[in-house]
Amino acid sequence: MEHRYLDGVDVPRFDHLLTEALLEDAARDEGGAPRRLGIENGARKVYRVFTVYGQAELEAAMEELAFLDFTAVLHASFNTSPEDEWDLRFRPDPDMKHSEP
């Protein structure tokens, strides 16, 4: 799994939770097509993109995100990606403490 921060976008307080859950705890899969997961901060801006490889790594990452109360943004107007920076977009639950910017 790889990750990067997007320039000029605020990093939220909950960022350390993602680092622990996705980079330290998620399953590893060396094969398969890359999928990029855009993670929103509390202001509905994607600030970080994780790249996962293979179905096992994708499912593990999505499970970790669900455990942290992130939901996939399915509406097309919210899932647009400039220059194809991400394939899937995830938003923190606004009622959770960690979702504040």
N, C-alpha and C. Protein backbone atom coordinates (compact mmCIF):
# COMPACT_ATOMS: atom_id res chain seq x y z
N MET A 1 0.85 -1.17 0.00
CA MET A 1 0.00 0.00 0.00
C MET A 1 0.89 1.24 0.00
N GLU A 2 0.50 2.19 -0.79
CA GLU A 2 1.21 3.46 -0.85
C GLU A 2 0.24 4.57 -0.47
N HIS A 3 0.79 5.73 -0.16
CA HIS A 3 -0.08 6.87 0.15
C HIS A 3 0.66 8.16 -0.16
N ARG A 4 -0.14 9.22 -0.29
CA ARG A 4 0.43 10.56 -0.47
C ARG A 4 -0.60 11.58 -0.02
N TYR A 5 -0.09 12.74 0.38
CA TYR A 5 -0.94 13.85 0.77
C TYR A 5 -1.09 14.78 -0.43
N LEU A 6 -2.26 15.40 -0.57
CA LEU A 6 -2.48 16.36 -1.65
C LEU A 6 -2.03 17.74 -1.17
N ASP A 7 -1.30 18.42 -2.00
CA ASP A 7 -0.78 19.75 -1.67
C ASP A 7 -1.90 20.74 -1.42
N GLY A 8 -1.73 21.55 -0.39
CA GLY A 8 -2.64 22.65 -0.13
C GLY A 8 -3.96 22.27 0.52
N VAL A 9 -4.12 21.02 0.96
CA VAL A 9 -5.37 20.60 1.60
C VAL A 9 -5.08 20.31 3.07
N ASP A 10 -5.93 20.84 3.96
CA ASP A 10 -5.73 20.67 5.40
C ASP A 10 -5.77 19.21 5.81
N VAL A 11 -4.82 18.83 6.65
CA VAL A 11 -4.76 17.48 7.22
C VAL A 11 -5.59 17.50 8.51
N PRO A 12 -6.57 16.62 8.64
CA PRO A 12 -7.43 16.62 9.82
C PRO A 12 -6.77 15.96 11.03
N ARG A 13 -7.38 16.17 12.19
CA ARG A 13 -6.87 15.59 13.43
C ARG A 13 -6.88 14.07 13.43
N PHE A 14 -7.81 13.48 12.69
CA PHE A 14 -7.93 12.02 12.70
C PHE A 14 -6.91 11.31 11.80
N ASP A 15 -6.03 12.05 11.17
CA ASP A 15 -5.09 11.46 10.21
C ASP A 15 -4.26 10.33 10.80
N HIS A 16 -3.83 10.48 12.05
CA HIS A 16 -3.02 9.43 12.67
C HIS A 16 -3.78 8.10 12.77
N LEU A 17 -5.12 8.16 12.88
CA LEU A 17 -5.92 6.94 12.93
C LEU A 17 -5.84 6.19 11.60
N LEU A 18 -5.85 6.93 10.51
CA LEU A 18 -5.74 6.30 9.19
C LEU A 18 -4.37 5.68 8.99
N THR A 19 -3.35 6.39 9.43
CA THR A 19 -2.00 5.85 9.29
C THR A 19 -1.88 4.52 10.02
N GLU A 20 -2.39 4.47 11.24
CA GLU A 20 -2.32 3.24 12.01
C GLU A 20 -3.17 2.14 11.38
N ALA A 21 -4.40 2.46 11.01
CA ALA A 21 -5.32 1.45 10.50
C ALA A 21 -4.92 0.94 9.12
N LEU A 22 -4.55 1.84 8.23
CA LEU A 22 -4.30 1.42 6.86
C LEU A 22 -2.86 1.02 6.59
N LEU A 23 -1.91 1.71 7.16
CA LEU A 23 -0.52 1.39 6.86
C LEU A 23 0.06 0.33 7.80
N GLU A 24 -0.50 0.21 8.99
CA GLU A 24 0.05 -0.75 9.95
C GLU A 24 -0.79 -2.00 10.10
N ASP A 25 -2.13 -1.87 10.01
CA ASP A 25 -3.01 -2.99 10.34
C ASP A 25 -3.62 -3.70 9.12
N ALA A 26 -3.76 -3.02 8.00
CA ALA A 26 -4.47 -3.60 6.85
C ALA A 26 -3.68 -4.74 6.24
N ALA A 27 -4.41 -5.66 5.62
CA ALA A 27 -3.79 -6.80 4.94
C ALA A 27 -2.94 -6.34 3.77
N ARG A 28 -1.98 -7.15 3.42
CA ARG A 28 -1.10 -6.83 2.29
C ARG A 28 -1.39 -7.78 1.14
N ASP A 29 -1.36 -7.25 -0.06
CA ASP A 29 -1.58 -8.05 -1.27
C ASP A 29 -0.64 -7.49 -2.33
N GLU A 30 0.26 -8.29 -2.80
CA GLU A 30 1.29 -7.81 -3.73
C GLU A 30 0.81 -7.76 -5.18
N GLY A 31 -0.32 -8.38 -5.49
CA GLY A 31 -0.74 -8.44 -6.89
C GLY A 31 -2.04 -7.71 -7.12
N GLY A 32 -2.38 -7.57 -8.38
CA GLY A 32 -3.66 -6.97 -8.73
C GLY A 32 -3.53 -5.53 -9.17
N ALA A 33 -4.61 -5.06 -9.75
CA ALA A 33 -4.65 -3.70 -10.27
C ALA A 33 -4.69 -2.68 -9.13
N PRO A 34 -4.02 -1.56 -9.31
CA PRO A 34 -4.07 -0.53 -8.25
C PRO A 34 -5.43 0.16 -8.21
N ARG A 35 -5.89 0.44 -7.00
CA ARG A 35 -7.10 1.24 -6.77
C ARG A 35 -6.70 2.34 -5.81
N ARG A 36 -7.10 3.57 -6.14
CA ARG A 36 -6.74 4.72 -5.32
C ARG A 36 -7.96 5.16 -4.49
N LEU A 37 -7.75 5.28 -3.19
CA LEU A 37 -8.80 5.64 -2.26
C LEU A 37 -8.57 7.06 -1.79
N GLY A 38 -9.44 7.98 -2.19
CA GLY A 38 -9.36 9.36 -1.75
C GLY A 38 -10.04 9.51 -0.40
N ILE A 39 -9.36 10.11 0.55
CA ILE A 39 -9.89 10.29 1.91
C ILE A 39 -10.17 11.77 2.14
N GLU A 40 -11.41 12.07 2.52
CA GLU A 40 -11.79 13.45 2.79
C GLU A 40 -11.40 13.86 4.21
N ASN A 41 -11.12 15.16 4.35
CA ASN A 41 -10.99 15.72 5.70
C ASN A 41 -12.40 16.14 6.14
N GLY A 42 -12.55 16.77 7.26
CA GLY A 42 -13.87 17.15 7.74
C GLY A 42 -14.55 18.23 6.91
N ALA A 43 -13.82 18.86 6.00
CA ALA A 43 -14.37 19.92 5.14
C ALA A 43 -14.77 19.39 3.76
N ARG A 44 -14.87 18.07 3.63
CA ARG A 44 -15.26 17.41 2.37
C ARG A 44 -14.29 17.65 1.22
N LYS A 45 -13.03 17.78 1.56
CA LYS A 45 -11.96 17.90 0.56
C LYS A 45 -11.06 16.68 0.70
N VAL A 46 -10.73 16.07 -0.43
CA VAL A 46 -9.79 14.94 -0.38
C VAL A 46 -8.41 15.49 -0.07
N TYR A 47 -7.81 14.97 1.00
CA TYR A 47 -6.50 15.46 1.41
C TYR A 47 -5.41 14.39 1.29
N ARG A 48 -5.83 13.12 1.18
CA ARG A 48 -4.85 12.03 1.16
C ARG A 48 -5.37 10.92 0.26
N VAL A 49 -4.46 10.29 -0.47
CA VAL A 49 -4.83 9.20 -1.37
C VAL A 49 -3.99 7.97 -1.03
N PHE A 50 -4.67 6.87 -0.77
CA PHE A 50 -4.02 5.58 -0.54
C PHE A 50 -4.17 4.75 -1.81
N THR A 51 -3.12 4.08 -2.21
CA THR A 51 -3.17 3.17 -3.36
C THR A 51 -3.03 1.75 -2.82
N VAL A 52 -4.04 0.93 -3.13
CA VAL A 52 -4.02 -0.47 -2.72
C VAL A 52 -3.86 -1.34 -3.95
N TYR A 53 -3.31 -2.53 -3.75
CA TYR A 53 -3.07 -3.46 -4.85
C TYR A 53 -3.75 -4.79 -4.54
N GLY A 54 -4.64 -5.19 -5.42
CA GLY A 54 -5.30 -6.48 -5.26
C GLY A 54 -6.57 -6.40 -4.44
N GLN A 55 -7.40 -7.41 -4.62
CA GLN A 55 -8.71 -7.46 -3.97
C GLN A 55 -8.61 -7.57 -2.45
N ALA A 56 -7.68 -8.38 -1.96
CA ALA A 56 -7.55 -8.56 -0.51
C ALA A 56 -7.18 -7.25 0.17
N GLU A 57 -6.25 -6.51 -0.41
CA GLU A 57 -5.83 -5.24 0.18
C GLU A 57 -6.96 -4.21 0.11
N LEU A 58 -7.70 -4.19 -1.01
CA LEU A 58 -8.84 -3.28 -1.14
C LEU A 58 -9.90 -3.57 -0.08
N GLU A 59 -10.26 -4.83 0.06
CA GLU A 59 -11.29 -5.21 1.04
C GLU A 59 -10.83 -4.90 2.46
N ALA A 60 -9.58 -5.16 2.76
CA ALA A 60 -9.06 -4.88 4.11
C ALA A 60 -9.09 -3.37 4.39
N ALA A 61 -8.70 -2.57 3.41
CA ALA A 61 -8.71 -1.12 3.58
C ALA A 61 -10.14 -0.61 3.78
N MET A 62 -11.07 -1.13 2.99
CA MET A 62 -12.47 -0.70 3.12
C MET A 62 -13.05 -1.11 4.47
N GLU A 63 -12.65 -2.27 4.96
CA GLU A 63 -13.11 -2.72 6.28
C GLU A 63 -12.56 -1.80 7.37
N GLU A 64 -11.29 -1.45 7.28
CA GLU A 64 -10.70 -0.54 8.26
C GLU A 64 -11.38 0.83 8.23
N LEU A 65 -11.66 1.34 7.02
CA LEU A 65 -12.34 2.63 6.89
C LEU A 65 -13.75 2.58 7.49
N ALA A 66 -14.46 1.49 7.25
CA ALA A 66 -15.81 1.34 7.82
C ALA A 66 -15.73 1.30 9.35
N PHE A 67 -14.73 0.61 9.89
CA PHE A 67 -14.55 0.54 11.34
C PHE A 67 -14.31 1.93 11.93
N LEU A 68 -13.65 2.81 11.17
CA LEU A 68 -13.38 4.18 11.62
C LEU A 68 -14.53 5.13 11.29
N ASP A 69 -15.66 4.59 10.82
CA ASP A 69 -16.86 5.37 10.49
C ASP A 69 -16.71 6.25 9.27
N PHE A 70 -15.99 5.75 8.27
CA PHE A 70 -15.94 6.40 6.96
C PHE A 70 -16.92 5.69 6.05
N THR A 71 -17.56 6.44 5.18
CA THR A 71 -18.46 5.84 4.20
C THR A 71 -18.01 6.22 2.80
N ALA A 72 -18.30 5.33 1.87
CA ALA A 72 -17.97 5.60 0.47
C ALA A 72 -18.93 6.65 -0.07
N VAL A 73 -18.40 7.58 -0.84
CA VAL A 73 -19.22 8.62 -1.46
C VAL A 73 -19.56 8.12 -2.85
N LEU A 74 -20.82 7.83 -3.06
CA LEU A 74 -21.22 7.20 -4.32
C LEU A 74 -21.80 8.17 -5.33
N HIS A 75 -22.33 9.28 -4.88
CA HIS A 75 -22.94 10.23 -5.80
C HIS A 75 -21.88 10.80 -6.73
N ALA A 76 -22.14 10.76 -8.01
CA ALA A 76 -21.14 11.13 -9.03
C ALA A 76 -20.59 12.54 -8.83
N SER A 77 -21.42 13.48 -8.40
CA SER A 77 -20.95 14.86 -8.26
C SER A 77 -19.90 15.00 -7.16
N PHE A 78 -19.92 14.08 -6.17
CA PHE A 78 -18.93 14.14 -5.10
C PHE A 78 -17.74 13.24 -5.36
N ASN A 79 -17.85 12.34 -6.32
CA ASN A 79 -16.78 11.38 -6.55
C ASN A 79 -15.91 11.75 -7.75
N THR A 80 -16.05 12.96 -8.23
CA THR A 80 -15.20 13.38 -9.34
C THR A 80 -13.77 13.53 -8.86
N SER A 81 -12.86 13.16 -9.69
CA SER A 81 -11.45 13.18 -9.34
C SER A 81 -10.68 13.98 -10.36
N PRO A 82 -10.09 15.09 -9.95
CA PRO A 82 -9.28 15.84 -10.90
C PRO A 82 -8.12 14.98 -11.39
N GLU A 83 -7.98 14.92 -12.68
CA GLU A 83 -6.89 14.16 -13.30
C GLU A 83 -6.81 12.73 -12.78
N ASP A 84 -7.97 12.14 -12.50
CA ASP A 84 -8.02 10.75 -12.05
C ASP A 84 -7.12 10.47 -10.86
N GLU A 85 -7.18 11.30 -9.84
CA GLU A 85 -6.33 11.12 -8.66
C GLU A 85 -6.81 10.00 -7.75
N TRP A 86 -8.12 9.66 -7.81
CA TRP A 86 -8.61 8.56 -6.98
C TRP A 86 -9.75 7.85 -7.70
N ASP A 87 -9.95 6.59 -7.33
CA ASP A 87 -11.01 5.77 -7.90
C ASP A 87 -12.24 5.72 -7.00
N LEU A 88 -12.01 5.71 -5.69
CA LEU A 88 -13.07 5.68 -4.70
C LEU A 88 -12.82 6.80 -3.70
N ARG A 89 -13.90 7.36 -3.19
CA ARG A 89 -13.77 8.49 -2.25
C ARG A 89 -14.48 8.14 -0.96
N PHE A 90 -13.86 8.47 0.18
CA PHE A 90 -14.42 8.14 1.49
C PHE A 90 -14.53 9.38 2.35
N ARG A 91 -15.66 9.46 3.06
CA ARG A 91 -15.98 10.62 3.90
C ARG A 91 -16.15 10.18 5.35
N PRO A 92 -15.57 10.94 6.29
CA PRO A 92 -15.78 10.62 7.71
C PRO A 92 -17.20 10.96 8.12
N ASP A 93 -17.74 10.22 9.06
CA ASP A 93 -19.07 10.49 9.60
C ASP A 93 -19.02 11.84 10.32
N PRO A 94 -19.87 12.80 9.93
CA PRO A 94 -19.81 14.13 10.55
C PRO A 94 -20.21 14.14 12.02
N ASP A 95 -20.88 13.09 12.49
CA ASP A 95 -21.28 13.01 13.90
C ASP A 95 -20.19 12.46 14.80
N MET A 96 -19.11 12.00 14.20
CA MET A 96 -18.03 11.44 15.01
C MET A 96 -17.02 12.52 15.36
N LYS A 97 -16.45 12.42 16.54
CA LYS A 97 -15.48 13.40 17.01
C LYS A 97 -14.29 13.54 16.07
N HIS A 98 -13.80 12.42 15.56
CA HIS A 98 -12.60 12.44 14.75
C HIS A 98 -12.80 13.08 13.38
N SER A 99 -14.04 13.40 12.98
CA SER A 99 -14.28 13.95 11.65
C SER A 99 -14.10 15.45 11.57
N GLU A 100 -13.89 16.11 12.69
CA GLU A 100 -13.69 17.55 12.67
C GLU A 100 -12.35 17.89 12.04
N PRO A 101 -12.27 18.96 11.21
CA PRO A 101 -11.01 19.31 10.57
C PRO A 101 -9.96 19.76 11.56
